[in-house]
Amino acid sequence: MSRLNFFKYGMIALMFSNLILIAALIMGRPDGRGPKEHGPHWGPPGGEVDRPKEIVVQKLKMDEGQTKKFQVLIDHHREAMRKSSKKIFELRKEYYSSVVAADQTKIKSLDSLIAVENIKIENIHQIHFNDIKGILNDEQLSSYNAFLKEVPDIFFPIQRGPRK
């Protein structure tokens, strides 16, 4: 086979593989959920509910008044999370600047501050779930206890396949 034919067939193969890749991106994912949206999919794959708020409202069978109160709790939770996340972001920027400067004392100090901020985030979550419990009636409390056992699966699902 001459060099010219080799390159010609190679180019045809590359163009064909690019067309297949473009078609796959346009058509969506093999699990049938269409093109991947930005952000995580909440809940079980292929489920009817894709957002945490709707999952909680559905699982706890909240009425309209409780749903409105729940939205206020969500807004407070998001604001608290935003503040903590911003603080961690700033600490991490300072941390990596210290790593470059090889300042071991500052690195250890920042390690501790980042850990404390992560603990605060877990406390924010705990307070949020206690606040949710506070808006429920007695009939919903048994559902709430069962729901708490599902929280890790709903909000922190196991990543399937390699991370990209």
N, C-alpha and C. Protein backbone atom coordinates (compact mmCIF):
# COMPACT_ATOMS: atom_id res chain seq x y z
N MET A 1 0.85 -1.17 0.00
CA MET A 1 0.00 0.00 0.00
C MET A 1 0.90 1.23 0.00
N SER A 2 0.58 2.14 -0.87
CA SER A 2 1.41 3.34 -0.96
C SER A 2 1.08 4.28 0.19
N ARG A 3 1.98 5.17 0.41
CA ARG A 3 1.81 6.15 1.49
C ARG A 3 0.57 7.00 1.25
N LEU A 4 0.32 7.38 0.02
CA LEU A 4 -0.84 8.21 -0.31
C LEU A 4 -2.14 7.49 0.02
N ASN A 5 -2.25 6.23 -0.33
CA ASN A 5 -3.45 5.46 0.00
C ASN A 5 -3.60 5.30 1.51
N PHE A 6 -2.52 5.09 2.21
CA PHE A 6 -2.55 4.95 3.67
C PHE A 6 -3.15 6.20 4.31
N PHE A 7 -2.66 7.38 3.89
CA PHE A 7 -3.17 8.63 4.46
C PHE A 7 -4.61 8.87 4.04
N LYS A 8 -4.97 8.51 2.81
CA LYS A 8 -6.33 8.70 2.33
C LYS A 8 -7.31 7.87 3.17
N TYR A 9 -7.01 6.60 3.40
CA TYR A 9 -7.88 5.74 4.19
C TYR A 9 -7.89 6.16 5.67
N GLY A 10 -6.75 6.62 6.13
CA GLY A 10 -6.68 7.12 7.51
C GLY A 10 -7.58 8.33 7.70
N MET A 11 -7.57 9.26 6.76
CA MET A 11 -8.42 10.46 6.85
C MET A 11 -9.90 10.08 6.79
N ILE A 12 -10.24 9.13 5.93
CA ILE A 12 -11.63 8.69 5.83
C ILE A 12 -12.07 8.07 7.16
N ALA A 13 -11.22 7.26 7.77
CA ALA A 13 -11.55 6.63 9.05
C ALA A 13 -11.73 7.68 10.15
N LEU A 14 -10.87 8.68 10.18
CA LEU A 14 -10.99 9.74 11.19
C LEU A 14 -12.26 10.55 10.99
N MET A 15 -12.59 10.90 9.75
CA MET A 15 -13.81 11.65 9.49
C MET A 15 -15.04 10.82 9.89
N PHE A 16 -15.03 9.52 9.60
CA PHE A 16 -16.13 8.65 9.96
C PHE A 16 -16.29 8.57 11.49
N SER A 17 -15.18 8.45 12.20
CA SER A 17 -15.26 8.38 13.67
C SER A 17 -15.75 9.71 14.25
N ASN A 18 -15.37 10.83 13.66
CA ASN A 18 -15.86 12.14 14.11
C ASN A 18 -17.37 12.24 13.89
N LEU A 19 -17.87 11.75 12.77
CA LEU A 19 -19.30 11.79 12.51
C LEU A 19 -20.06 10.95 13.54
N ILE A 20 -19.53 9.79 13.87
CA ILE A 20 -20.16 8.94 14.89
C ILE A 20 -20.17 9.65 16.24
N LEU A 21 -19.09 10.29 16.60
CA LEU A 21 -19.01 11.03 17.87
C LEU A 21 -20.03 12.16 17.90
N ILE A 22 -20.11 12.93 16.83
CA ILE A 22 -21.07 14.04 16.78
C ILE A 22 -22.49 13.50 16.88
N ALA A 23 -22.80 12.42 16.19
CA ALA A 23 -24.14 11.83 16.26
C ALA A 23 -24.46 11.38 17.68
N ALA A 24 -23.50 10.77 18.35
CA ALA A 24 -23.72 10.32 19.73
C ALA A 24 -23.98 11.50 20.66
N LEU A 25 -23.27 12.58 20.48
CA LEU A 25 -23.48 13.76 21.33
C LEU A 25 -24.85 14.39 21.08
N ILE A 26 -25.28 14.40 19.85
CA ILE A 26 -26.57 15.00 19.52
C ILE A 26 -27.73 14.12 20.00
N MET A 27 -27.60 12.82 19.82
CA MET A 27 -28.70 11.90 20.14
C MET A 27 -28.90 11.72 21.63
N GLY A 28 -27.89 11.86 22.43
CA GLY A 28 -28.05 11.74 23.87
C GLY A 28 -27.35 10.52 24.42
N ARG A 29 -27.68 10.25 25.69
CA ARG A 29 -27.02 9.19 26.42
C ARG A 29 -27.69 7.85 26.14
N PRO A 30 -26.94 6.76 26.31
CA PRO A 30 -27.49 5.43 26.02
C PRO A 30 -28.60 5.00 26.98
N ASP A 31 -28.74 5.66 28.15
CA ASP A 31 -29.79 5.26 29.08
C ASP A 31 -31.15 5.86 28.73
N GLY A 32 -31.20 6.60 27.62
CA GLY A 32 -32.48 7.11 27.13
C GLY A 32 -32.94 8.41 27.75
N ARG A 33 -32.13 9.05 28.58
CA ARG A 33 -32.55 10.29 29.22
C ARG A 33 -32.22 11.52 28.40
N GLY A 34 -31.76 11.36 27.17
CA GLY A 34 -31.47 12.51 26.33
C GLY A 34 -30.13 13.12 26.66
N PRO A 35 -29.86 14.29 26.06
CA PRO A 35 -28.58 14.95 26.33
C PRO A 35 -28.44 15.27 27.81
N LYS A 36 -27.25 15.16 28.33
CA LYS A 36 -27.01 15.40 29.75
C LYS A 36 -27.18 16.88 30.06
N GLU A 37 -27.99 17.16 31.08
CA GLU A 37 -28.17 18.53 31.53
C GLU A 37 -26.98 18.91 32.40
N HIS A 38 -26.82 20.21 32.58
CA HIS A 38 -25.76 20.67 33.48
C HIS A 38 -26.21 20.42 34.90
N GLY A 39 -25.30 19.96 35.72
CA GLY A 39 -25.62 19.69 37.10
C GLY A 39 -26.03 18.25 37.30
N PRO A 40 -26.10 17.81 38.55
CA PRO A 40 -26.39 16.41 38.82
C PRO A 40 -27.85 16.09 38.61
N HIS A 41 -28.12 14.82 38.35
CA HIS A 41 -29.49 14.31 38.28
C HIS A 41 -29.84 13.87 39.70
N TRP A 42 -30.92 14.40 40.21
CA TRP A 42 -31.30 14.08 41.58
C TRP A 42 -32.27 12.91 41.58
N GLY A 43 -32.05 11.99 42.46
CA GLY A 43 -32.95 10.86 42.58
C GLY A 43 -32.52 9.71 41.71
N PRO A 44 -33.32 8.67 41.70
CA PRO A 44 -32.96 7.48 40.94
C PRO A 44 -32.98 7.76 39.44
N PRO A 45 -32.08 7.12 38.68
CA PRO A 45 -32.06 7.35 37.24
C PRO A 45 -33.39 6.99 36.61
N GLY A 46 -33.86 7.84 35.72
CA GLY A 46 -35.11 7.60 35.03
C GLY A 46 -36.33 7.91 35.88
N GLY A 47 -36.13 8.44 37.07
CA GLY A 47 -37.25 8.76 37.94
C GLY A 47 -38.04 9.95 37.43
N GLU A 48 -39.24 10.12 37.99
CA GLU A 48 -40.09 11.22 37.56
C GLU A 48 -39.63 12.55 38.15
N VAL A 49 -38.93 12.52 39.26
CA VAL A 49 -38.56 13.73 39.97
C VAL A 49 -37.07 13.98 39.81
N ASP A 50 -36.70 15.17 39.36
CA ASP A 50 -35.30 15.47 39.13
C ASP A 50 -34.72 16.52 40.07
N ARG A 51 -35.51 17.02 41.01
CA ARG A 51 -34.98 18.07 41.87
C ARG A 51 -35.21 17.72 43.33
N PRO A 52 -34.28 18.11 44.20
CA PRO A 52 -34.40 17.77 45.62
C PRO A 52 -35.69 18.26 46.27
N LYS A 53 -36.10 19.49 45.94
CA LYS A 53 -37.31 20.03 46.57
C LYS A 53 -38.52 19.15 46.28
N GLU A 54 -38.69 18.77 45.02
CA GLU A 54 -39.83 17.94 44.66
C GLU A 54 -39.76 16.56 45.30
N ILE A 55 -38.54 16.04 45.43
CA ILE A 55 -38.38 14.73 46.07
C ILE A 55 -38.85 14.81 47.52
N VAL A 56 -38.42 15.85 48.24
CA VAL A 56 -38.79 15.99 49.65
C VAL A 56 -40.30 16.19 49.78
N VAL A 57 -40.86 17.08 48.96
CA VAL A 57 -42.31 17.34 49.02
C VAL A 57 -43.09 16.07 48.74
N GLN A 58 -42.65 15.32 47.75
CA GLN A 58 -43.33 14.08 47.38
C GLN A 58 -43.21 13.02 48.47
N LYS A 59 -42.00 12.81 48.96
CA LYS A 59 -41.78 11.75 49.96
C LYS A 59 -42.49 12.05 51.28
N LEU A 60 -42.52 13.33 51.67
CA LEU A 60 -43.13 13.69 52.95
C LEU A 60 -44.59 14.11 52.81
N LYS A 61 -45.11 14.09 51.59
CA LYS A 61 -46.51 14.42 51.32
C LYS A 61 -46.90 15.76 51.94
N MET A 62 -46.10 16.80 51.61
CA MET A 62 -46.35 18.13 52.16
C MET A 62 -47.55 18.77 51.46
N ASP A 63 -48.32 19.52 52.25
CA ASP A 63 -49.42 20.28 51.66
C ASP A 63 -48.88 21.63 51.15
N GLU A 64 -49.77 22.44 50.61
CA GLU A 64 -49.34 23.70 49.99
C GLU A 64 -48.70 24.65 51.00
N GLY A 65 -49.27 24.75 52.18
CA GLY A 65 -48.72 25.63 53.21
C GLY A 65 -47.33 25.17 53.65
N GLN A 66 -47.18 23.87 53.84
CA GLN A 66 -45.87 23.33 54.22
C GLN A 66 -44.85 23.54 53.11
N THR A 67 -45.30 23.42 51.87
CA THR A 67 -44.39 23.61 50.74
C THR A 67 -43.87 25.04 50.70
N LYS A 68 -44.74 26.00 51.00
CA LYS A 68 -44.31 27.41 51.03
C LYS A 68 -43.30 27.64 52.16
N LYS A 69 -43.58 27.08 53.33
CA LYS A 69 -42.63 27.19 54.45
C LYS A 69 -41.31 26.51 54.10
N PHE A 70 -41.43 25.38 53.42
CA PHE A 70 -40.24 24.63 53.00
C PHE A 70 -39.39 25.46 52.05
N GLN A 71 -40.03 26.21 51.15
CA GLN A 71 -39.28 27.06 50.22
C GLN A 71 -38.48 28.13 50.98
N VAL A 72 -39.08 28.68 52.03
CA VAL A 72 -38.36 29.66 52.86
C VAL A 72 -37.14 28.99 53.51
N LEU A 73 -37.33 27.77 54.01
CA LEU A 73 -36.20 27.03 54.61
C LEU A 73 -35.12 26.77 53.57
N ILE A 74 -35.53 26.44 52.37
CA ILE A 74 -34.55 26.20 51.29
C ILE A 74 -33.75 27.46 51.02
N ASP A 75 -34.43 28.59 50.95
CA ASP A 75 -33.74 29.86 50.68
C ASP A 75 -32.71 30.17 51.76
N HIS A 76 -33.09 29.96 53.02
CA HIS A 76 -32.14 30.18 54.13
C HIS A 76 -30.96 29.21 54.04
N HIS A 77 -31.26 27.95 53.74
CA HIS A 77 -30.22 26.94 53.63
C HIS A 77 -29.24 27.29 52.51
N ARG A 78 -29.77 27.68 51.36
CA ARG A 78 -28.91 28.04 50.23
C ARG A 78 -28.01 29.22 50.57
N GLU A 79 -28.55 30.20 51.26
CA GLU A 79 -27.75 31.37 51.62
C GLU A 79 -26.62 30.98 52.58
N ALA A 80 -26.94 30.16 53.57
CA ALA A 80 -25.92 29.70 54.51
C ALA A 80 -24.85 28.88 53.78
N MET A 81 -25.29 28.01 52.85
CA MET A 81 -24.34 27.20 52.08
C MET A 81 -23.47 28.08 51.18
N ARG A 82 -24.07 29.09 50.59
CA ARG A 82 -23.31 30.00 49.73
C ARG A 82 -22.19 30.69 50.52
N LYS A 83 -22.53 31.14 51.72
CA LYS A 83 -21.52 31.81 52.56
C LYS A 83 -20.38 30.86 52.92
N SER A 84 -20.73 29.63 53.33
CA SER A 84 -19.70 28.66 53.70
C SER A 84 -18.86 28.25 52.51
N SER A 85 -19.51 28.04 51.37
CA SER A 85 -18.78 27.65 50.17
C SER A 85 -17.82 28.75 49.73
N LYS A 86 -18.27 29.98 49.84
CA LYS A 86 -17.40 31.11 49.48
C LYS A 86 -16.19 31.17 50.42
N LYS A 87 -16.45 30.95 51.70
CA LYS A 87 -15.36 30.96 52.69
C LYS A 87 -14.35 29.85 52.37
N ILE A 88 -14.84 28.65 52.05
CA ILE A 88 -13.94 27.53 51.72
C ILE A 88 -13.16 27.85 50.45
N PHE A 89 -13.81 28.45 49.46
CA PHE A 89 -13.13 28.82 48.23
C PHE A 89 -11.97 29.78 48.52
N GLU A 90 -12.22 30.78 49.35
CA GLU A 90 -11.17 31.76 49.69
C GLU A 90 -10.04 31.08 50.47
N LEU A 91 -10.39 30.20 51.41
CA LEU A 91 -9.37 29.49 52.18
C LEU A 91 -8.53 28.60 51.26
N ARG A 92 -9.16 27.96 50.31
CA ARG A 92 -8.41 27.09 49.39
C ARG A 92 -7.48 27.90 48.49
N LYS A 93 -7.92 29.05 48.06
CA LYS A 93 -7.03 29.92 47.27
C LYS A 93 -5.79 30.28 48.08
N GLU A 94 -6.02 30.66 49.32
CA GLU A 94 -4.90 31.01 50.21
C GLU A 94 -4.03 29.79 50.49
N TYR A 95 -4.67 28.62 50.65
CA TYR A 95 -3.96 27.37 50.90
C TYR A 95 -2.98 27.07 49.76
N TYR A 96 -3.45 27.10 48.53
CA TYR A 96 -2.59 26.74 47.41
C TYR A 96 -1.52 27.80 47.16
N SER A 97 -1.79 29.04 47.53
CA SER A 97 -0.73 30.05 47.47
C SER A 97 0.36 29.73 48.48
N SER A 98 -0.05 29.23 49.65
CA SER A 98 0.92 28.85 50.68
C SER A 98 1.70 27.62 50.28
N VAL A 99 1.06 26.70 49.55
CA VAL A 99 1.76 25.50 49.08
C VAL A 99 2.88 25.91 48.13
N VAL A 100 2.56 26.85 47.24
CA VAL A 100 3.57 27.33 46.30
C VAL A 100 4.72 27.99 47.05
N ALA A 101 4.37 28.75 48.10
CA ALA A 101 5.40 29.44 48.89
C ALA A 101 6.07 28.52 49.90
N ALA A 102 5.55 27.29 50.04
CA ALA A 102 6.10 26.29 50.96
C ALA A 102 6.09 26.77 52.41
N ASP A 103 5.03 27.47 52.81
CA ASP A 103 4.87 27.97 54.17
C ASP A 103 4.10 26.92 54.98
N GLN A 104 4.82 25.98 55.60
CA GLN A 104 4.21 24.84 56.29
C GLN A 104 3.33 25.25 57.47
N THR A 105 3.70 26.29 58.18
CA THR A 105 2.90 26.74 59.33
C THR A 105 1.54 27.23 58.86
N LYS A 106 1.54 28.02 57.81
CA LYS A 106 0.28 28.54 57.28
C LYS A 106 -0.56 27.42 56.66
N ILE A 107 0.09 26.45 56.03
CA ILE A 107 -0.63 25.34 55.42
C ILE A 107 -1.39 24.56 56.49
N LYS A 108 -0.74 24.26 57.61
CA LYS A 108 -1.40 23.52 58.69
C LYS A 108 -2.56 24.32 59.28
N SER A 109 -2.36 25.62 59.42
CA SER A 109 -3.42 26.48 59.93
C SER A 109 -4.62 26.49 58.98
N LEU A 110 -4.34 26.59 57.69
CA LEU A 110 -5.43 26.62 56.71
C LEU A 110 -6.12 25.26 56.60
N ASP A 111 -5.36 24.17 56.77
CA ASP A 111 -5.97 22.84 56.82
C ASP A 111 -7.07 22.79 57.89
N SER A 112 -6.73 23.29 59.05
CA SER A 112 -7.68 23.28 60.16
C SER A 112 -8.89 24.17 59.88
N LEU A 113 -8.66 25.32 59.30
CA LEU A 113 -9.76 26.24 58.99
C LEU A 113 -10.71 25.65 57.94
N ILE A 114 -10.15 24.98 56.95
CA ILE A 114 -10.98 24.34 55.92
C ILE A 114 -11.79 23.21 56.54
N ALA A 115 -11.18 22.44 57.42
CA ALA A 115 -11.89 21.34 58.10
C ALA A 115 -13.04 21.89 58.95
N VAL A 116 -12.79 22.97 59.67
CA VAL A 116 -13.83 23.58 60.50
C VAL A 116 -14.99 24.05 59.62
N GLU A 117 -14.67 24.64 58.49
CA GLU A 117 -15.72 25.13 57.59
C GLU A 117 -16.53 23.96 57.01
N ASN A 118 -15.87 22.84 56.73
CA ASN A 118 -16.60 21.66 56.25
C ASN A 118 -17.52 21.10 57.33
N ILE A 119 -17.09 21.15 58.57
CA ILE A 119 -17.94 20.73 59.69
C ILE A 119 -19.14 21.67 59.79
N LYS A 120 -18.92 22.97 59.57
CA LYS A 120 -20.03 23.92 59.59
C LYS A 120 -21.06 23.59 58.52
N ILE A 121 -20.59 23.15 57.36
CA ILE A 121 -21.51 22.77 56.28
C ILE A 121 -22.38 21.60 56.72
N GLU A 122 -21.77 20.60 57.36
CA GLU A 122 -22.56 19.47 57.84
C GLU A 122 -23.57 19.93 58.90
N ASN A 123 -23.18 20.88 59.75
CA ASN A 123 -24.10 21.42 60.74
C ASN A 123 -25.24 22.18 60.07
N ILE A 124 -24.94 22.90 59.00
CA ILE A 124 -25.98 23.61 58.24
C ILE A 124 -27.00 22.60 57.71
N HIS A 125 -26.51 21.48 57.18
CA HIS A 125 -27.41 20.44 56.69
C HIS A 125 -28.28 19.89 57.82
N GLN A 126 -27.65 19.62 58.97
CA GLN A 126 -28.39 19.07 60.10
C GLN A 126 -29.48 20.03 60.57
N ILE A 127 -29.15 21.29 60.68
CA ILE A 127 -30.14 22.30 61.09
C ILE A 127 -31.28 22.37 60.08
N HIS A 128 -30.92 22.31 58.79
CA HIS A 128 -31.93 22.36 57.73
C HIS A 128 -32.92 21.19 57.87
N PHE A 129 -32.41 19.99 58.10
CA PHE A 129 -33.31 18.84 58.25
C PHE A 129 -34.13 18.92 59.53
N ASN A 130 -33.57 19.47 60.59
CA ASN A 130 -34.35 19.68 61.81
C ASN A 130 -35.45 20.72 61.58
N ASP A 131 -35.15 21.76 60.80
CA ASP A 131 -36.16 22.77 60.46
C ASP A 131 -37.29 22.15 59.63
N ILE A 132 -36.92 21.26 58.71
CA ILE A 132 -37.94 20.56 57.91
C ILE A 132 -38.85 19.75 58.83
N LYS A 133 -38.25 19.06 59.79
CA LYS A 133 -39.02 18.26 60.74
C LYS A 133 -40.02 19.14 61.49
N GLY A 134 -39.61 20.39 61.76
CA GLY A 134 -40.46 21.31 62.51
C GLY A 134 -41.72 21.74 61.78
N ILE A 135 -41.76 21.64 60.45
CA ILE A 135 -42.96 22.05 59.73
C ILE A 135 -43.90 20.87 59.43
N LEU A 136 -43.51 19.68 59.85
CA LEU A 136 -44.32 18.49 59.57
C LEU A 136 -45.34 18.24 60.68
N ASN A 137 -46.44 17.59 60.31
CA ASN A 137 -47.42 17.19 61.32
C ASN A 137 -47.07 15.79 61.83
N ASP A 138 -47.81 15.33 62.83
CA ASP A 138 -47.49 14.04 63.46
C ASP A 138 -47.55 12.87 62.48
N GLU A 139 -48.48 12.92 61.53
CA GLU A 139 -48.62 11.81 60.57
C GLU A 139 -47.41 11.71 59.65
N GLN A 140 -46.76 12.85 59.39
CA GLN A 140 -45.64 12.87 58.46
C GLN A 140 -44.31 12.48 59.12
N LEU A 141 -44.28 12.47 60.45
CA LEU A 141 -43.01 12.20 61.13
C LEU A 141 -42.47 10.80 60.87
N SER A 142 -43.36 9.80 60.73
CA SER A 142 -42.87 8.45 60.42
C SER A 142 -42.27 8.42 59.01
N SER A 143 -42.88 9.15 58.08
CA SER A 143 -42.31 9.27 56.73
C SER A 143 -40.98 10.00 56.78
N TYR A 144 -40.88 10.99 57.66
CA TYR A 144 -39.65 11.76 57.80
C TYR A 144 -38.50 10.87 58.26
N ASN A 145 -38.76 10.02 59.25
CA ASN A 145 -37.70 9.13 59.74
C ASN A 145 -37.24 8.16 58.66
N ALA A 146 -38.17 7.64 57.88
CA ALA A 146 -37.81 6.75 56.76
C ALA A 146 -37.06 7.54 55.69
N PHE A 147 -37.50 8.77 55.46
CA PHE A 147 -36.86 9.63 54.46
C PHE A 147 -35.40 9.92 54.82
N LEU A 148 -35.13 10.15 56.10
CA LEU A 148 -33.76 10.45 56.53
C LEU A 148 -32.80 9.32 56.17
N LYS A 149 -33.29 8.09 56.19
CA LYS A 149 -32.43 6.96 55.82
C LYS A 149 -32.11 6.97 54.33
N GLU A 150 -32.96 7.60 53.52
CA GLU A 150 -32.75 7.67 52.08
C GLU A 150 -31.94 8.88 51.64
N VAL A 151 -31.73 9.84 52.54
CA VAL A 151 -31.07 11.09 52.17
C VAL A 151 -29.73 10.89 51.47
N PRO A 152 -28.84 10.02 51.97
CA PRO A 152 -27.56 9.86 51.26
C PRO A 152 -27.73 9.36 49.82
N ASP A 153 -28.68 8.46 49.60
CA ASP A 153 -28.90 7.94 48.25
C ASP A 153 -29.50 8.99 47.33
N ILE A 154 -30.35 9.86 47.88
CA ILE A 154 -31.02 10.87 47.06
C ILE A 154 -30.10 12.05 46.75
N PHE A 155 -29.45 12.57 47.77
CA PHE A 155 -28.66 13.79 47.59
C PHE A 155 -27.19 13.54 47.27
N PHE A 156 -26.68 12.36 47.59
CA PHE A 156 -25.29 12.04 47.32
C PHE A 156 -25.20 10.67 46.66
N PRO A 157 -25.78 10.54 45.44
CA PRO A 157 -25.79 9.21 44.81
C PRO A 157 -24.39 8.75 44.47
N ILE A 158 -24.22 7.43 44.44
CA ILE A 158 -22.93 6.84 44.09
C ILE A 158 -22.69 7.11 42.61
N GLN A 159 -21.49 7.59 42.31
CA GLN A 159 -21.13 7.83 40.91
C GLN A 159 -20.95 6.49 40.22
N ARG A 160 -21.63 6.31 39.11
CA ARG A 160 -21.47 5.08 38.35
C ARG A 160 -20.53 5.35 37.18
N GLY A 161 -19.59 4.47 37.01
CA GLY A 161 -18.65 4.62 35.89
C GLY A 161 -17.55 5.62 36.25
N PRO A 162 -16.62 5.79 35.34
CA PRO A 162 -15.52 6.71 35.61
C PRO A 162 -15.99 8.16 35.62
N ARG A 163 -15.40 8.96 36.49
CA ARG A 163 -15.71 10.38 36.54
C ARG A 163 -15.05 11.07 35.37
N LYS A 164 -15.75 12.03 34.83
CA LYS A 164 -15.23 12.74 33.65
C LYS A 164 -15.01 14.18 33.95
